[in-house]
Amino acid sequence: RVFLERNEANLYSNILDCPDFFWEAEGFEPLYRRVNRYLDIDDRVLILNKRLDIVNDLLESLSGQLEIRNSHRLEVIIIVLIMIEIALEVMGRSMPHVALPLGIGKFARKLLL
């Protein structure tokens, strides 16, 4: 989104270029240039680009943090599931008279062997 806004300001607007009107009315072009300099349009566009760069960097940083948080959560879930699987396998071996449902313990059995 920031990239699109930056392109909108730099590429698709007529802020940086002399409008087509001044091709036909060349006498007004010096006035346009003076107003452009007076309003510091070029400096304002540079400031806008720098601010958009900062926002873009911030969004990239936040996106990276969200990816790290999501991957950490998945790692914790996998570790908990493995611990449950191992606990069920240990319980199954220590208490052979207790029947575990089919399929439980296969993964733990592979880990232990």
C-alpha atoms as a PDB file:
ATOM      1  CA  ARG A   1       0.000   0.000   0.000  1.00  0.00           C
ATOM      2  CA  VAL A   2       2.820   2.402   0.855  1.00  0.00           C
ATOM      3  CA  PHE A   3       4.548   1.494  -2.386  1.00  0.00           C
ATOM      4  CA  LEU A   4       1.384   2.299  -4.341  1.00  0.00           C
ATOM      5  CA  GLU A   5       0.972   5.653  -2.596  1.00  0.00           C
ATOM      6  CA  ARG A   6       4.564   6.538  -3.338  1.00  0.00           C
ATOM      7  CA  ASN A   7       4.163   5.662  -6.985  1.00  0.00           C
ATOM      8  CA  GLU A   8       0.954   7.677  -7.115  1.00  0.00           C
ATOM      9  CA  ALA A   9       2.741  10.756  -5.802  1.00  0.00           C
ATOM     10  CA  ASN A  10       5.855  10.362  -7.942  1.00  0.00           C
ATOM     11  CA  LEU A  11       4.714   8.842 -11.209  1.00  0.00           C
ATOM     12  CA  TYR A  12       1.046   9.461 -11.817  1.00  0.00           C
ATOM     13  CA  SER A  13       0.589  12.989 -10.539  1.00  0.00           C
ATOM     14  CA  ASN A  14       1.553  16.139 -12.391  1.00  0.00           C
ATOM     15  CA  ILE A  15       3.194  17.646  -9.329  1.00  0.00           C
ATOM     16  CA  LEU A  16       6.729  17.093 -10.564  1.00  0.00           C
ATOM     17  CA  ASP A  17       6.186  17.892 -14.235  1.00  0.00           C
ATOM     18  CA  CYS A  18       5.086  21.020 -15.959  1.00  0.00           C
ATOM     19  CA  PRO A  19       1.392  20.570 -16.885  1.00  0.00           C
ATOM     20  CA  ASP A  20       0.375  20.243 -20.535  1.00  0.00           C
ATOM     21  CA  PHE A  21      -1.435  23.568 -20.327  1.00  0.00           C
ATOM     22  CA  PHE A  22       1.907  25.368 -20.409  1.00  0.00           C
ATOM     23  CA  TRP A  23       2.813  23.784 -23.733  1.00  0.00           C
ATOM     24  CA  GLU A  24       0.081  25.888 -25.273  1.00  0.00           C
ATOM     25  CA  ALA A  25       0.431  28.975 -23.057  1.00  0.00           C
ATOM     26  CA  GLU A  26       4.189  29.342 -22.778  1.00  0.00           C
ATOM     27  CA  GLY A  27       3.895  32.802 -21.281  1.00  0.00           C
ATOM     28  CA  PHE A  28       2.572  31.387 -18.025  1.00  0.00           C
ATOM     29  CA  GLU A  29       5.270  28.758 -17.599  1.00  0.00           C
ATOM     30  CA  PRO A  30       7.731  31.094 -15.785  1.00  0.00           C
ATOM     31  CA  LEU A  31       4.928  31.974 -13.351  1.00  0.00           C
ATOM     32  CA  TYR A  32       4.279  28.282 -12.781  1.00  0.00           C
ATOM     33  CA  ARG A  33       7.977  27.668 -12.156  1.00  0.00           C
ATOM     34  CA  ARG A  34       8.159  30.534  -9.640  1.00  0.00           C
ATOM     35  CA  VAL A  35       5.085  29.264  -7.777  1.00  0.00           C
ATOM     36  CA  ASN A  36       6.568  25.776  -7.821  1.00  0.00           C
ATOM     37  CA  ARG A  37       9.806  27.090  -6.298  1.00  0.00           C
ATOM     38  CA  TYR A  38       7.890  29.264  -3.807  1.00  0.00           C
ATOM     39  CA  LEU A  39       5.875  26.281  -2.576  1.00  0.00           C
ATOM     40  CA  ASP A  40       9.012  24.094  -2.447  1.00  0.00           C
ATOM     41  CA  ILE A  41       7.268  21.288  -4.295  1.00  0.00           C
ATOM     42  CA  ASP A  42      10.501  19.375  -4.990  1.00  0.00           C
ATOM     43  CA  ASP A  43      11.551  19.543  -1.331  1.00  0.00           C
ATOM     44  CA  ARG A  44       8.103  18.473  -0.199  1.00  0.00           C
ATOM     45  CA  VAL A  45       8.160  15.476  -2.524  1.00  0.00           C
ATOM     46  CA  LEU A  46      11.587  14.478  -1.165  1.00  0.00           C
ATOM     47  CA  ILE A  47      10.290  14.767   2.408  1.00  0.00           C
ATOM     48  CA  LEU A  48       7.208  12.727   1.473  1.00  0.00           C
ATOM     49  CA  ASN A  49       9.401  10.034  -0.076  1.00  0.00           C
ATOM     50  CA  LYS A  50      11.611   9.889   3.028  1.00  0.00           C
ATOM     51  CA  ARG A  51       8.577   9.554   5.276  1.00  0.00           C
ATOM     52  CA  LEU A  52       7.130   6.845   3.073  1.00  0.00           C
ATOM     53  CA  ASP A  53      10.482   5.036   3.222  1.00  0.00           C
ATOM     54  CA  ILE A  54      10.326   5.148   7.026  1.00  0.00           C
ATOM     55  CA  VAL A  55       6.745   3.847   7.034  1.00  0.00           C
ATOM     56  CA  ASN A  56       7.701   1.113   4.567  1.00  0.00           C
ATOM     57  CA  ASP A  57      10.635   0.046   6.771  1.00  0.00           C
ATOM     58  CA  LEU A  58       8.352   0.007   9.808  1.00  0.00           C
ATOM     59  CA  LEU A  59       5.781  -2.140   8.008  1.00  0.00           C
ATOM     60  CA  GLU A  60       8.480  -4.567   6.870  1.00  0.00           C
ATOM     61  CA  SER A  61       9.754  -4.807  10.446  1.00  0.00           C
ATOM     62  CA  LEU A  62       6.261  -5.454  11.806  1.00  0.00           C
ATOM     63  CA  SER A  63       5.630  -8.045   9.114  1.00  0.00           C
ATOM     64  CA  GLY A  64       8.845  -9.823  10.082  1.00  0.00           C
ATOM     65  CA  GLN A  65       7.859  -9.767  13.746  1.00  0.00           C
ATOM     66  CA  LEU A  66       4.470 -11.286  12.921  1.00  0.00           C
ATOM     67  CA  GLU A  67       6.127 -14.051  10.912  1.00  0.00           C
ATOM     68  CA  ILE A  68       8.511 -14.784  13.790  1.00  0.00           C
ATOM     69  CA  ARG A  69       5.643 -14.858  16.300  1.00  0.00           C
ATOM     70  CA  ASN A  70       3.625 -17.209  14.100  1.00  0.00           C
ATOM     71  CA  SER A  71       6.537 -19.578  13.544  1.00  0.00           C
ATOM     72  CA  HIS A  72       7.330 -19.552  17.278  1.00  0.00           C
ATOM     73  CA  ARG A  73       3.721 -20.432  18.085  1.00  0.00           C
ATOM     74  CA  LEU A  74       3.822 -23.329  15.613  1.00  0.00           C
ATOM     75  CA  GLU A  75       7.083 -24.597  17.104  1.00  0.00           C
ATOM     76  CA  VAL A  76       5.574 -24.566  20.592  1.00  0.00           C
ATOM     77  CA  ILE A  77       2.494 -26.441  19.361  1.00  0.00           C
ATOM     78  CA  ILE A  78       4.665 -29.088  17.693  1.00  0.00           C
ATOM     79  CA  ILE A  79       6.786 -29.501  20.843  1.00  0.00           C
ATOM     80  CA  VAL A  80       3.671 -29.887  23.019  1.00  0.00           C
ATOM     81  CA  LEU A  81       2.211 -32.462  20.624  1.00  0.00           C
ATOM     82  CA  ILE A  82       5.461 -34.451  20.651  1.00  0.00           C
ATOM     83  CA  MET A  83       5.517 -34.337  24.454  1.00  0.00           C
ATOM     84  CA  ILE A  84       1.926 -35.603  24.585  1.00  0.00           C
ATOM     85  CA  GLU A  85       2.788 -38.369  22.142  1.00  0.00           C
ATOM     86  CA  ILE A  86       5.818 -39.421  24.204  1.00  0.00           C
ATOM     87  CA  ALA A  87       3.817 -39.298  27.433  1.00  0.00           C
ATOM     88  CA  LEU A  88       1.123 -41.517  25.916  1.00  0.00           C
ATOM     89  CA  GLU A  89       3.759 -43.964  24.690  1.00  0.00           C
ATOM     90  CA  VAL A  90       5.454 -44.083  28.099  1.00  0.00           C
ATOM     91  CA  MET A  91       2.102 -44.607  29.781  1.00  0.00           C
ATOM     92  CA  GLY A  92       1.316 -47.356  27.293  1.00  0.00           C
ATOM     93  CA  ARG A  93       4.574 -49.172  28.026  1.00  0.00           C
ATOM     94  CA  SER A  94       4.415 -48.696  31.776  1.00  0.00           C
ATOM     95  CA  MET A  95       0.764 -49.741  31.969  1.00  0.00           C
ATOM     96  CA  PRO A  96       0.329 -52.517  29.398  1.00  0.00           C
ATOM     97  CA  HIS A  97      -3.109 -53.413  30.760  1.00  0.00           C
ATOM     98  CA  VAL A  98      -4.442 -49.979  29.690  1.00  0.00           C
ATOM     99  CA  ALA A  99      -5.304 -50.081  26.006  1.00  0.00           C
ATOM    100  CA  LEU A 100      -4.541 -46.947  24.042  1.00  0.00           C
ATOM    101  CA  PRO A 101      -6.536 -46.100  20.913  1.00  0.00           C
ATOM    102  CA  LEU A 102      -5.044 -47.297  17.647  1.00  0.00           C
ATOM    103  CA  GLY A 103      -2.474 -45.020  16.075  1.00  0.00           C
ATOM    104  CA  ILE A 104      -1.461 -43.301  19.295  1.00  0.00           C
ATOM    105  CA  GLY A 105       2.138 -43.923  20.066  1.00  0.00           C
ATOM    106  CA  LYS A 106       3.369 -44.669  16.550  1.00  0.00           C
ATOM    107  CA  PHE A 107       5.205 -41.361  16.245  1.00  0.00           C
ATOM    108  CA  ALA A 108       6.641 -41.661  19.750  1.00  0.00           C
ATOM    109  CA  ARG A 109       7.668 -45.240  19.034  1.00  0.00           C
ATOM    110  CA  LYS A 110       9.612 -44.028  15.974  1.00  0.00           C
ATOM    111  CA  LEU A 111      11.311 -41.359  18.077  1.00  0.00           C
ATOM    112  CA  LEU A 112      12.314 -43.787  20.823  1.00  0.00           C
ATOM    113  CA  LEU A 113      13.624 -46.496  18.493  1.00  0.00           C
END
